[in-house]
Amino acid sequence: MADTIDSKNIVRTRFAPSPTGFLHVGGVRTNFYAWLLARRFGGKFVLRIEDTDRERFVPGAVQSILEDLQWLGIDIDEGPTAEELKRCDPTYTGSFNYGGPYGPYVQSQRIERYKEVAERLVEMGYAYRCDCTPEMLKKEREEQMARREPPGYSGYCRTRNVPADTKHVIRLKIPERESIYLDDAVKGRIVWDKISLRDTVLLKSDGFPTYHLAVVVDDHDMKISHVMRGEEWISTAPVHILLYRALGWKMPVFCHLPSVLGQDGKKLSKRHGATNISAFRREGYLPEALLNLLLLVGWNPGEGEEQEIFTREEMIRRFTIENINKAAAVFSYDKLKWMNGVYIRNMPQERFIKEAEAVCLDAGIQVDEHRLRDIAPYVQERIKLLTEVPDMVKFLFVEELERDYGTMFKKGLPPDMSLKVLRVSLEKLEGIEDFTVSRIEETLREVPQELDLKVGKAFVVIRIAVTGQKVTPPLFESIYALGRETAIKRLKEAIEEIESEHYRAKEG
């Protein structure tokens, strides 16, 4: 819909996480689109913490969410101050401090505002007080189900004028026979001939708002122009429409986004693999790759366009609501892994070295920067995940090498011939004065020729002797990164070990 962006008004979108858990793929996709829209039109991206569900509140979730956003590179224009975050979660120890003109940006610190609006709705006749007990509501529900009726509040308190000084909730008076429509920027016109919800609670008896009241009040007060949320929230839209009408407030543009599915066609969940952002980070994915894939899970660059890899600037420049898909889209872990490999290969070398060093330290490997720098280009072009780095480079940073002799003899050559390969290789390396990659390659390629062996089999023997494993960066570059002295030392160690094992086997 081309008219969803009014050039006269500032685009203001928001990310409103509930700290009842940690940041997951679906939430990031929704809010990344909101961030892109704000950046595309020079608007504002607002962070609001929706923490009114205190029973399900998870200590530490707020800080985790903010750290994940920082890792993703999704910057915030307005949001909670450090003081607001600390009041929200006493365990908070971060340094995030946003602020803005429409605070507080934490719902639990806006309670009086919600009460004020709820009371106004009661005064105008759009809402009423209800003092029905949980036992009464349970009995009512059971009777409705026994009569095979859709369960829901009957409206018993609509005309009872429940006193304000009794324990009560405030309910929205939902019209019984009223057609409502929403011109959704993604789904088009959605029409409800009859609203399925019955007199929804707006304010609970403890004074805390329900989602419906809080989100409408907050979006109005914070001047949100576009609301992006998952299509599972469509069923609640009539309640929000009624609230905007009753209060005489201008509605934001609603954009209900298609669901994110696993490759089995079901809604993405833990059973498909990692879904929390922190898990993707631990598994070695880059934020650029994850956001790039999420961009394409529900949005397309246009008919006939085949581009799949986008820079951050291209994403902002090309993103439009009009190109958001109406149908659900599949999140492919295989495609994410491929994209991650592309981003790793395109990464500036200095950043790759920094990332590689960090992931090695996480794996308990103390690296020598000189050796890491020598091998980095050959590792960078071969991996798809940063977490593959430690296994590929650990041979450079250990004193005691555990060699996979089983693979050497199975994939390479029997012990007697392996010894010949190693002895000739040792002699060749000891004779090299100009220890360069090209000279190492030139010299070691003479080994299989002299022994009349296949190159691959001979090189498996040499590789396992100097690195301990079959899969490493290229052989000659690995030897160069090790250095002449260490490479020769490891060849001698392998010869001694094979001789020892070989002769012991003969004696047995």
Protein backbone atom coordinates (compact mmCIF):
# COMPACT_ATOMS: atom_id res chain seq x y z
CA MET A 1 0.00 0.00 0.00
CA ALA A 2 1.77 3.08 -1.26
CA ASP A 3 0.01 5.46 1.12
CA THR A 4 1.31 3.91 4.35
CA ILE A 5 4.13 6.48 4.62
CA ASP A 6 3.05 10.09 5.09
CA SER A 7 5.99 12.32 4.19
CA LYS A 8 4.58 15.05 6.46
CA ASN A 9 4.97 12.93 9.59
CA ILE A 10 8.02 11.36 11.18
CA VAL A 11 8.07 7.59 10.96
CA ARG A 12 8.25 6.22 14.49
CA THR A 13 8.42 2.47 15.01
CA ARG A 14 9.08 0.47 18.14
CA PHE A 15 10.47 -2.72 19.59
CA ALA A 16 8.50 -3.72 22.68
CA PRO A 17 9.91 -6.95 24.13
CA SER A 18 8.45 -8.66 27.16
CA PRO A 19 11.21 -9.83 29.53
CA THR A 20 9.51 -13.19 30.07
CA GLY A 21 12.20 -14.89 28.01
CA PHE A 22 15.05 -14.19 25.65
CA LEU A 23 15.22 -12.68 22.19
CA HIS A 24 14.28 -15.15 19.46
CA VAL A 25 14.25 -15.24 15.67
CA GLY A 26 10.61 -14.30 15.14
CA GLY A 27 10.84 -11.26 17.40
CA VAL A 28 14.05 -10.10 15.77
CA ARG A 29 12.58 -10.39 12.25
CA THR A 30 9.54 -8.31 13.24
CA ASN A 31 11.55 -5.62 14.93
CA PHE A 32 14.31 -5.59 12.31
CA TYR A 33 11.64 -4.68 9.77
CA ALA A 34 10.47 -1.89 12.10
CA TRP A 35 14.07 -0.67 12.45
CA LEU A 36 14.58 -0.76 8.68
CA LEU A 37 11.41 1.26 8.11
CA ALA A 38 12.50 3.93 10.59
CA ARG A 39 15.97 4.12 9.04
CA ARG A 40 14.59 4.11 5.49
CA PHE A 41 12.56 7.26 6.17
CA GLY A 42 14.87 9.00 8.62
CA GLY A 43 12.54 8.31 11.52
CA LYS A 44 12.93 7.09 15.09
CA PHE A 45 13.19 3.56 16.47
CA VAL A 46 11.89 3.28 20.03
CA LEU A 47 12.60 0.60 22.64
CA ARG A 48 9.88 -0.06 25.20
CA ILE A 49 9.98 -2.77 27.86
CA GLU A 50 6.58 -4.43 28.35
CA ASP A 51 7.07 -5.90 31.81
CA THR A 52 3.56 -5.91 33.28
CA ASP A 53 3.43 -9.73 33.33
CA ARG A 54 5.40 -9.94 36.57
CA GLU A 55 4.54 -13.60 37.22
CA ARG A 56 6.49 -14.69 34.12
CA PHE A 57 9.25 -12.09 34.48
CA VAL A 58 12.74 -13.58 34.00
CA PRO A 59 15.56 -11.80 35.88
CA GLY A 60 18.39 -10.99 33.49
CA ALA A 61 16.19 -11.14 30.37
CA VAL A 62 16.21 -7.36 29.89
CA GLN A 63 20.00 -7.19 29.88
CA SER A 64 20.26 -10.21 27.59
CA ILE A 65 17.82 -8.65 25.11
CA LEU A 66 19.73 -5.36 25.03
CA GLU A 67 23.06 -7.14 24.57
CA ASP A 68 21.62 -9.19 21.71
CA LEU A 69 20.34 -6.01 20.04
CA GLN A 70 23.78 -4.45 20.39
CA TRP A 71 25.41 -7.54 18.84
CA LEU A 72 22.95 -7.40 15.95
CA GLY A 73 23.75 -3.74 15.36
CA ILE A 74 20.14 -2.59 15.84
CA ASP A 75 20.59 0.82 17.43
CA ILE A 76 17.97 2.55 19.56
CA ASP A 77 16.90 6.22 19.27
CA GLU A 78 14.70 6.38 22.37
CA GLY A 79 14.26 3.99 25.26
CA PRO A 80 14.63 3.39 28.99
CA THR A 81 17.23 5.20 31.01
CA ALA A 82 19.69 3.20 33.11
CA GLU A 83 17.63 4.09 36.18
CA GLU A 84 14.42 2.81 34.57
CA LEU A 85 16.13 -0.43 33.59
CA LYS A 86 17.44 -0.94 37.11
CA ARG A 87 13.98 -0.38 38.59
CA CYS A 88 12.56 -2.83 36.07
CA ASP A 89 15.10 -5.54 36.96
CA PRO A 90 17.27 -5.18 40.08
CA THR A 91 19.71 -7.74 38.61
CA TYR A 92 20.48 -5.38 35.70
CA THR A 93 24.19 -4.46 35.57
CA GLY A 94 24.50 -3.14 32.01
CA SER A 95 25.56 0.29 30.81
CA PHE A 96 22.68 0.95 28.41
CA ASN A 97 21.12 4.38 28.93
CA TYR A 98 18.79 5.75 26.26
CA GLY A 99 16.15 8.21 27.42
CA GLY A 100 13.76 10.28 25.33
CA PRO A 101 10.87 12.76 25.48
CA TYR A 102 8.06 10.22 26.05
CA GLY A 103 9.33 8.20 29.01
CA PRO A 104 9.24 6.28 31.12
CA TYR A 105 9.77 3.55 28.52
CA VAL A 106 9.07 0.69 30.96
CA GLN A 107 5.42 -0.28 31.36
CA SER A 108 5.56 -1.12 35.06
CA GLN A 109 6.59 2.50 35.63
CA ARG A 110 3.54 3.87 33.74
CA ILE A 111 0.81 2.31 35.89
CA GLU A 112 -0.87 5.59 36.84
CA ARG A 113 -1.24 6.52 33.19
CA TYR A 114 -3.06 3.27 32.41
CA LYS A 115 -5.38 3.74 35.39
CA GLU A 116 -6.17 7.26 34.22
CA VAL A 117 -7.14 6.06 30.74
CA ALA A 118 -9.16 3.11 32.06
CA GLU A 119 -11.15 5.43 34.36
CA ARG A 120 -11.79 7.77 31.44
CA LEU A 121 -13.21 4.87 29.44
CA VAL A 122 -15.53 3.98 32.33
CA GLU A 123 -16.72 7.59 32.59
CA MET A 124 -17.44 7.70 28.84
CA GLY A 125 -19.39 4.43 28.98
CA TYR A 126 -16.99 2.41 26.88
CA ALA A 127 -15.84 0.28 29.82
CA TYR A 128 -17.21 -0.90 33.15
CA ARG A 129 -16.13 -2.31 36.50
CA CYS A 130 -16.51 -6.03 37.12
CA ASP A 131 -16.24 -7.70 40.53
CA CYS A 132 -16.92 -11.28 39.43
CA THR A 133 -14.71 -13.68 41.37
CA PRO A 134 -12.51 -16.32 39.72
CA GLU A 135 -14.93 -18.96 41.05
CA MET A 136 -17.89 -17.25 39.39
CA LEU A 137 -16.03 -16.96 36.10
CA LYS A 138 -14.98 -20.61 36.22
CA LYS A 139 -18.55 -21.75 36.87
CA GLU A 140 -19.86 -19.55 34.05
CA ARG A 141 -17.28 -20.99 31.66
CA GLU A 142 -18.14 -24.59 32.61
CA GLU A 143 -21.84 -23.96 32.05
CA GLN A 144 -21.18 -22.42 28.64
CA MET A 145 -19.08 -25.41 27.60
CA ALA A 146 -21.79 -27.79 28.84
CA ARG A 147 -24.26 -25.97 26.56
CA ARG A 148 -21.67 -26.21 23.77
CA GLU A 149 -21.41 -22.42 23.61
CA PRO A 150 -18.16 -20.53 22.92
CA PRO A 151 -16.73 -19.75 26.38
CA GLY A 152 -16.37 -16.11 27.38
CA TYR A 153 -17.56 -13.49 29.79
CA SER A 154 -21.33 -13.05 29.71
CA GLY A 155 -21.38 -9.32 30.53
CA TYR A 156 -23.01 -9.88 33.92
CA CYS A 157 -21.55 -6.67 35.39
CA ARG A 158 -22.34 -4.40 32.44
CA THR A 159 -25.30 -2.74 34.15
CA ARG A 160 -24.50 -3.37 37.81
CA ASN A 161 -22.55 -0.14 38.51
CA VAL A 162 -19.92 -1.90 40.60
CA PRO A 163 -18.48 0.60 43.16
CA ALA A 164 -14.92 1.81 42.62
CA ASP A 165 -13.95 0.97 46.20
CA THR A 166 -14.54 -2.78 45.79
CA LYS A 167 -12.00 -5.19 44.32
CA HIS A 168 -12.66 -5.21 40.61
CA VAL A 169 -11.29 -5.27 37.09
CA ILE A 170 -12.19 -2.88 34.29
CA ARG A 171 -13.58 -4.45 31.14
CA LEU A 172 -14.04 -3.02 27.65
CA LYS A 173 -17.67 -3.01 26.55
CA ILE A 174 -17.41 -4.74 23.18
CA PRO A 175 -20.32 -4.10 20.78
CA GLU A 176 -22.33 -7.27 20.19
CA ARG A 177 -23.33 -6.59 16.60
CA GLU A 178 -20.81 -4.38 14.92
CA SER A 179 -18.69 -5.00 11.85
CA ILE A 180 -15.11 -3.77 12.14
CA TYR A 181 -12.40 -3.55 9.53
CA LEU A 182 -8.69 -2.87 9.47
CA ASP A 183 -6.72 -1.67 6.46
CA ASP A 184 -3.54 -3.57 7.21
CA ALA A 185 -0.45 -2.40 5.30
CA VAL A 186 0.58 -6.01 4.61
CA LYS A 187 -2.59 -8.09 4.60
CA GLY A 188 -4.90 -5.52 3.03
CA ARG A 189 -8.45 -5.00 4.35
CA ILE A 190 -9.41 -7.39 7.13
CA VAL A 191 -13.10 -7.47 8.10
CA TRP A 192 -14.70 -8.84 11.27
CA ASP A 193 -18.46 -9.23 10.93
CA LYS A 194 -18.56 -10.15 14.59
CA ILE A 195 -15.88 -9.71 17.24
CA SER A 196 -15.06 -13.08 18.79
CA LEU A 197 -13.66 -11.65 22.04
CA ARG A 198 -16.06 -10.86 24.87
CA ASP A 199 -15.65 -7.76 27.08
CA THR A 200 -11.89 -8.02 27.41
CA VAL A 201 -10.24 -7.03 30.69
CA LEU A 202 -8.29 -3.77 30.35
CA LEU A 203 -7.17 -3.19 33.94
CA LYS A 204 -6.61 -6.03 36.39
CA SER A 205 -7.60 -5.95 40.04
CA ASP A 206 -3.99 -5.30 41.08
CA GLY A 207 -3.98 -2.10 39.04
CA PHE A 208 -1.78 -3.48 36.28
CA PRO A 209 -3.01 -3.16 32.69
CA THR A 210 -3.50 -6.01 30.28
CA TYR A 211 -1.57 -5.98 27.02
CA HIS A 212 -4.51 -4.48 25.12
CA LEU A 213 -4.78 -1.30 27.17
CA ALA A 214 -1.06 -0.79 27.73
CA VAL A 215 -0.02 -1.19 24.11
CA VAL A 216 -2.65 1.23 22.81
CA VAL A 217 -1.85 3.87 25.44
CA ASP A 218 1.91 3.52 24.94
CA ASP A 219 1.77 3.63 21.14
CA HIS A 220 -0.37 6.75 21.33
CA ASP A 221 1.73 8.50 23.98
CA MET A 222 4.98 7.65 22.20
CA LYS A 223 3.58 8.78 18.83
CA ILE A 224 4.22 5.44 17.12
CA SER A 225 3.31 5.75 13.44
CA HIS A 226 3.70 2.12 12.33
CA VAL A 227 3.14 -1.03 14.37
CA MET A 228 4.78 -4.18 13.09
CA ARG A 229 3.81 -7.43 14.73
CA GLY A 230 3.24 -11.09 13.90
CA GLU A 231 0.06 -12.18 12.18
CA GLU A 232 -0.91 -14.20 15.28
CA TRP A 233 -1.95 -10.86 16.82
CA ILE A 234 -4.57 -10.15 14.13
CA SER A 235 -7.35 -11.60 16.30
CA THR A 236 -6.71 -8.93 18.95
CA ALA A 237 -6.84 -6.02 16.50
CA PRO A 238 -10.60 -5.35 16.97
CA VAL A 239 -10.03 -4.59 20.67
CA HIS A 240 -7.34 -2.09 19.78
CA ILE A 241 -9.45 -0.51 17.06
CA LEU A 242 -12.31 -0.05 19.53
CA LEU A 243 -9.98 1.56 22.06
CA TYR A 244 -8.58 4.01 19.52
CA ARG A 245 -12.13 4.93 18.48
CA ALA A 246 -13.38 5.35 22.04
CA LEU A 247 -10.45 7.55 23.02
CA GLY A 248 -10.57 9.58 19.81
CA TRP A 249 -6.95 8.79 19.00
CA LYS A 250 -5.42 8.36 15.57
CA MET A 251 -4.49 4.76 14.90
CA PRO A 252 -0.98 3.88 13.75
CA VAL A 253 -0.55 1.91 10.53
CA PHE A 254 -0.72 -1.79 11.36
CA CYS A 255 1.58 -4.21 9.55
CA HIS A 256 0.87 -7.84 10.43
CA LEU A 257 3.80 -9.93 9.27
CA PRO A 258 3.70 -13.53 8.01
CA SER A 259 4.81 -16.30 10.35
CA VAL A 260 8.34 -17.69 10.35
CA LEU A 261 8.23 -21.43 9.65
CA GLY A 262 10.64 -24.30 10.00
CA GLN A 263 11.45 -26.43 6.97
CA ASP A 264 8.69 -28.85 7.98
CA GLY A 265 6.11 -26.10 7.42
CA LYS A 266 5.36 -25.67 11.12
CA LYS A 267 5.97 -22.51 13.11
CA LEU A 268 9.65 -22.14 13.94
CA SER A 269 10.52 -23.46 17.40
CA LYS A 270 13.34 -25.00 19.37
CA ARG A 271 12.73 -28.39 17.76
CA HIS A 272 14.07 -26.95 14.48
CA GLY A 273 17.36 -25.82 16.04
CA ALA A 274 18.63 -22.60 17.59
CA THR A 275 16.00 -19.86 17.91
CA ASN A 276 17.42 -17.64 20.67
CA ILE A 277 19.79 -15.01 19.32
CA SER A 278 22.42 -15.82 21.93
CA ALA A 279 22.45 -19.43 20.66
CA PHE A 280 23.18 -18.31 17.08
CA ARG A 281 26.01 -16.19 18.42
CA ARG A 282 27.46 -19.13 20.36
CA GLU A 283 27.24 -21.36 17.30
CA GLY A 284 29.45 -19.03 15.26
CA TYR A 285 27.00 -17.05 13.15
CA LEU A 286 27.59 -13.42 12.25
CA PRO A 287 24.87 -10.81 12.92
CA GLU A 288 25.04 -9.65 9.29
CA ALA A 289 24.21 -13.13 7.99
CA LEU A 290 21.36 -13.66 10.46
CA LEU A 291 19.76 -10.30 9.63
CA ASN A 292 20.24 -10.87 5.90
CA LEU A 293 18.38 -14.17 6.07
CA LEU A 294 15.65 -12.68 8.27
CA LEU A 295 15.22 -9.87 5.76
CA LEU A 296 14.38 -12.46 3.09
CA VAL A 297 12.11 -14.49 5.38
CA GLY A 298 8.99 -12.48 4.60
CA TRP A 299 10.30 -9.78 2.25
CA ASN A 300 11.44 -9.84 -1.37
CA PRO A 301 13.50 -7.29 -3.31
CA GLY A 302 11.06 -7.27 -6.22
CA GLU A 303 9.88 -9.41 -9.10
CA GLY A 304 12.74 -10.80 -11.13
CA GLU A 305 15.34 -9.73 -8.55
CA GLU A 306 17.79 -12.49 -7.64
CA GLN A 307 20.10 -10.65 -5.25
CA GLU A 308 20.39 -12.47 -1.93
CA ILE A 309 23.34 -10.84 -0.14
CA PHE A 310 22.71 -7.25 0.96
CA THR A 311 24.84 -4.72 2.79
CA ARG A 312 23.23 -2.92 5.72
CA GLU A 313 22.96 0.21 3.58
CA GLU A 314 21.25 -1.70 0.76
CA MET A 315 18.76 -3.20 3.19
CA ILE A 316 17.78 0.24 4.46
CA ARG A 317 17.60 1.80 1.01
CA ARG A 318 15.53 -0.97 -0.58
CA PHE A 319 13.20 -1.97 2.25
CA THR A 320 9.53 -1.22 1.62
CA ILE A 321 6.31 -2.37 3.27
CA GLU A 322 4.89 -3.05 -0.18
CA ASN A 323 7.36 -5.91 -0.73
CA ILE A 324 6.55 -7.75 2.49
CA ASN A 325 5.02 -11.10 1.61
CA LYS A 326 1.52 -11.99 2.75
CA ALA A 327 2.26 -15.71 3.08
CA ALA A 328 4.38 -17.41 5.75
CA ALA A 329 8.04 -17.99 4.91
CA VAL A 330 10.57 -20.69 5.78
CA PHE A 331 13.68 -20.10 7.88
CA SER A 332 16.39 -22.28 6.36
CA TYR A 333 19.36 -23.16 8.56
CA ASP A 334 21.20 -24.46 5.49
CA LYS A 335 20.79 -21.14 3.74
CA LEU A 336 21.84 -19.27 6.87
CA LYS A 337 25.01 -21.35 7.05
CA TRP A 338 25.77 -20.65 3.39
CA MET A 339 25.18 -16.92 3.90
CA ASN A 340 27.39 -16.95 6.97
CA GLY A 341 30.21 -18.45 4.91
CA VAL A 342 29.81 -15.69 2.33
CA TYR A 343 29.98 -12.99 5.00
CA ILE A 344 33.03 -14.61 6.63
CA ARG A 345 34.88 -14.70 3.30
CA ASN A 346 34.01 -11.05 2.64
CA MET A 347 35.03 -9.93 6.13
CA PRO A 348 38.06 -7.60 6.42
CA GLN A 349 41.01 -9.69 7.50
CA GLU A 350 41.68 -7.67 10.64
CA ARG A 351 38.13 -8.27 11.85
CA PHE A 352 38.40 -11.97 11.03
CA ILE A 353 41.60 -12.27 13.05
CA LYS A 354 39.91 -10.54 15.98
CA GLU A 355 36.85 -12.80 15.76
CA ALA A 356 39.04 -15.89 15.36
CA GLU A 357 41.10 -15.01 18.39
CA ALA A 358 37.97 -14.48 20.48
CA VAL A 359 36.40 -17.81 19.51
CA CYS A 360 39.69 -19.60 20.19
CA LEU A 361 39.88 -18.06 23.65
CA ASP A 362 36.29 -19.20 24.28
CA ALA A 363 37.45 -22.73 23.35
CA GLY A 364 40.35 -22.51 25.82
CA ILE A 365 43.06 -21.99 23.21
CA GLN A 366 45.71 -19.33 23.85
CA VAL A 367 46.77 -18.10 20.42
CA ASP A 368 50.00 -16.65 19.11
CA GLU A 369 48.90 -13.68 17.00
CA HIS A 370 51.79 -14.02 14.54
CA ARG A 371 50.92 -17.63 13.72
CA LEU A 372 47.20 -16.87 13.62
CA ARG A 373 47.81 -14.01 11.21
CA ASP A 374 49.84 -16.30 8.91
CA ILE A 375 47.12 -18.94 8.73
CA ALA A 376 44.02 -16.70 8.90
CA PRO A 377 43.50 -16.13 5.14
CA TYR A 378 43.43 -19.89 4.48
CA VAL A 379 41.02 -20.58 7.31
CA GLN A 380 38.77 -17.66 6.38
CA GLU A 381 38.15 -18.96 2.88
CA ARG A 382 37.17 -22.45 4.08
CA ILE A 383 34.76 -22.09 7.00
CA LYS A 384 31.06 -21.34 7.28
CA LEU A 385 30.93 -20.85 11.06
CA LEU A 386 33.33 -19.02 13.33
CA THR A 387 33.16 -21.96 15.72
CA GLU A 388 35.01 -24.06 13.11
CA VAL A 389 38.14 -21.98 13.68
CA PRO A 390 39.49 -23.60 16.88
CA ASP A 391 39.59 -27.13 15.46
CA MET A 392 41.31 -25.89 12.32
CA VAL A 393 44.05 -23.89 14.04
CA LYS A 394 44.62 -25.58 17.40
CA PHE A 395 47.60 -27.54 15.97
CA LEU A 396 49.47 -24.22 15.84
CA PHE A 397 49.13 -23.51 19.55
CA VAL A 398 49.67 -26.81 21.38
CA GLU A 399 52.94 -28.25 22.63
CA GLU A 400 51.83 -31.90 22.77
CA LEU A 401 50.18 -33.08 19.55
CA GLU A 402 47.77 -36.02 19.49
CA ARG A 403 48.09 -37.58 16.04
CA ASP A 404 45.35 -39.52 14.30
CA TYR A 405 47.48 -42.47 13.23
CA GLY A 406 44.41 -44.57 12.51
CA THR A 407 43.46 -42.14 9.72
CA MET A 408 47.09 -41.88 8.58
CA PHE A 409 47.34 -45.62 7.98
CA LYS A 410 43.79 -46.05 6.70
CA LYS A 411 43.57 -43.01 4.42
CA GLY A 412 47.29 -42.66 3.82
CA LEU A 413 49.81 -45.47 3.84
CA PRO A 414 50.81 -48.48 6.02
CA PRO A 415 53.34 -47.83 8.82
CA ASP A 416 56.45 -48.89 6.88
CA MET A 417 55.67 -46.66 3.91
CA SER A 418 54.46 -43.82 6.17
CA LEU A 419 57.89 -43.89 7.84
CA LYS A 420 59.59 -43.59 4.47
CA VAL A 421 57.43 -40.58 3.59
CA LEU A 422 58.23 -38.89 6.90
CA ARG A 423 61.96 -39.55 6.74
CA VAL A 424 62.24 -38.16 3.21
CA SER A 425 60.05 -35.18 4.16
CA LEU A 426 62.24 -34.49 7.20
CA GLU A 427 65.34 -34.57 5.06
CA LYS A 428 63.74 -32.20 2.55
CA LEU A 429 62.56 -29.66 5.15
CA GLU A 430 65.90 -29.69 6.94
CA GLY A 431 67.54 -28.74 3.66
CA ILE A 432 65.38 -25.70 3.04
CA GLU A 433 67.07 -22.38 3.73
CA ASP A 434 64.45 -20.05 2.24
CA PHE A 435 61.45 -21.16 4.34
CA THR A 436 58.55 -19.80 2.26
CA VAL A 437 55.24 -21.35 1.24
CA SER A 438 56.32 -21.72 -2.37
CA ARG A 439 59.65 -23.31 -1.41
CA ILE A 440 57.94 -25.69 1.04
CA GLU A 441 55.50 -26.78 -1.65
CA GLU A 442 58.20 -27.20 -4.28
CA THR A 443 60.30 -29.34 -1.93
CA LEU A 444 57.55 -31.55 -0.51
CA ARG A 445 56.09 -32.30 -3.94
CA GLU A 446 59.33 -34.14 -4.64
CA VAL A 447 58.51 -36.68 -1.88
CA PRO A 448 55.73 -38.68 -3.64
CA GLN A 449 57.70 -38.51 -6.91
CA GLU A 450 60.80 -40.03 -5.36
CA LEU A 451 58.81 -42.77 -3.60
CA ASP A 452 56.48 -43.41 -6.56
CA LEU A 453 53.35 -42.66 -4.51
CA LYS A 454 50.08 -40.86 -5.11
CA VAL A 455 50.34 -37.26 -3.96
CA GLY A 456 47.21 -37.37 -1.83
CA LYS A 457 48.27 -40.42 0.19
CA ALA A 458 51.72 -39.03 0.87
CA PHE A 459 50.38 -35.64 1.93
CA VAL A 460 47.87 -37.21 4.36
CA VAL A 461 50.84 -38.75 6.17
CA ILE A 462 52.73 -35.47 6.31
CA ARG A 463 49.65 -33.49 7.36
CA ILE A 464 48.80 -35.77 10.27
CA ALA A 465 52.43 -35.83 11.38
CA VAL A 466 52.71 -32.03 11.63
CA THR A 467 49.11 -31.06 12.54
CA GLY A 468 47.68 -34.20 14.13
CA GLN A 469 44.58 -34.29 11.94
CA LYS A 470 43.40 -34.85 8.39
CA VAL A 471 41.36 -31.67 8.00
CA THR A 472 43.33 -28.42 8.38
CA PRO A 473 44.13 -25.36 6.32
CA PRO A 474 46.32 -26.08 3.23
CA LEU A 475 49.35 -28.23 4.06
CA PHE A 476 52.15 -25.97 2.88
CA GLU A 477 50.64 -22.88 4.49
CA SER A 478 50.14 -24.83 7.73
CA ILE A 479 53.80 -25.85 7.79
CA TYR A 480 54.85 -22.26 7.08
CA ALA A 481 52.66 -20.97 9.94
CA LEU A 482 54.18 -23.56 12.30
CA GLY A 483 57.67 -22.45 11.39
CA ARG A 484 60.69 -24.51 10.30
CA GLU A 485 61.83 -25.53 13.77
CA THR A 486 58.40 -26.73 14.98
CA ALA A 487 57.59 -28.53 11.71
CA ILE A 488 60.89 -30.47 11.82
CA LYS A 489 60.38 -31.28 15.50
CA ARG A 490 56.92 -32.71 14.78
CA LEU A 491 58.15 -34.85 11.91
CA LYS A 492 60.80 -36.34 14.21
CA GLU A 493 58.19 -36.99 16.92
CA ALA A 494 55.91 -38.79 14.44
CA ILE A 495 58.79 -40.95 13.18
CA GLU A 496 59.69 -41.98 16.73
CA GLU A 497 56.08 -42.75 17.65
CA ILE A 498 55.41 -44.82 14.53
CA GLU A 499 58.69 -46.73 14.96
CA SER A 500 57.79 -47.49 18.55
CA GLU A 501 54.26 -48.62 17.75
CA HIS A 502 55.35 -50.47 14.61
CA TYR A 503 58.07 -52.49 16.31
CA ARG A 504 55.85 -53.21 19.31
CA ALA A 505 53.24 -54.59 16.95
CA LYS A 506 55.89 -56.76 15.22
CA GLU A 507 57.10 -58.16 18.54
CA GLY A 508 53.54 -58.97 19.51
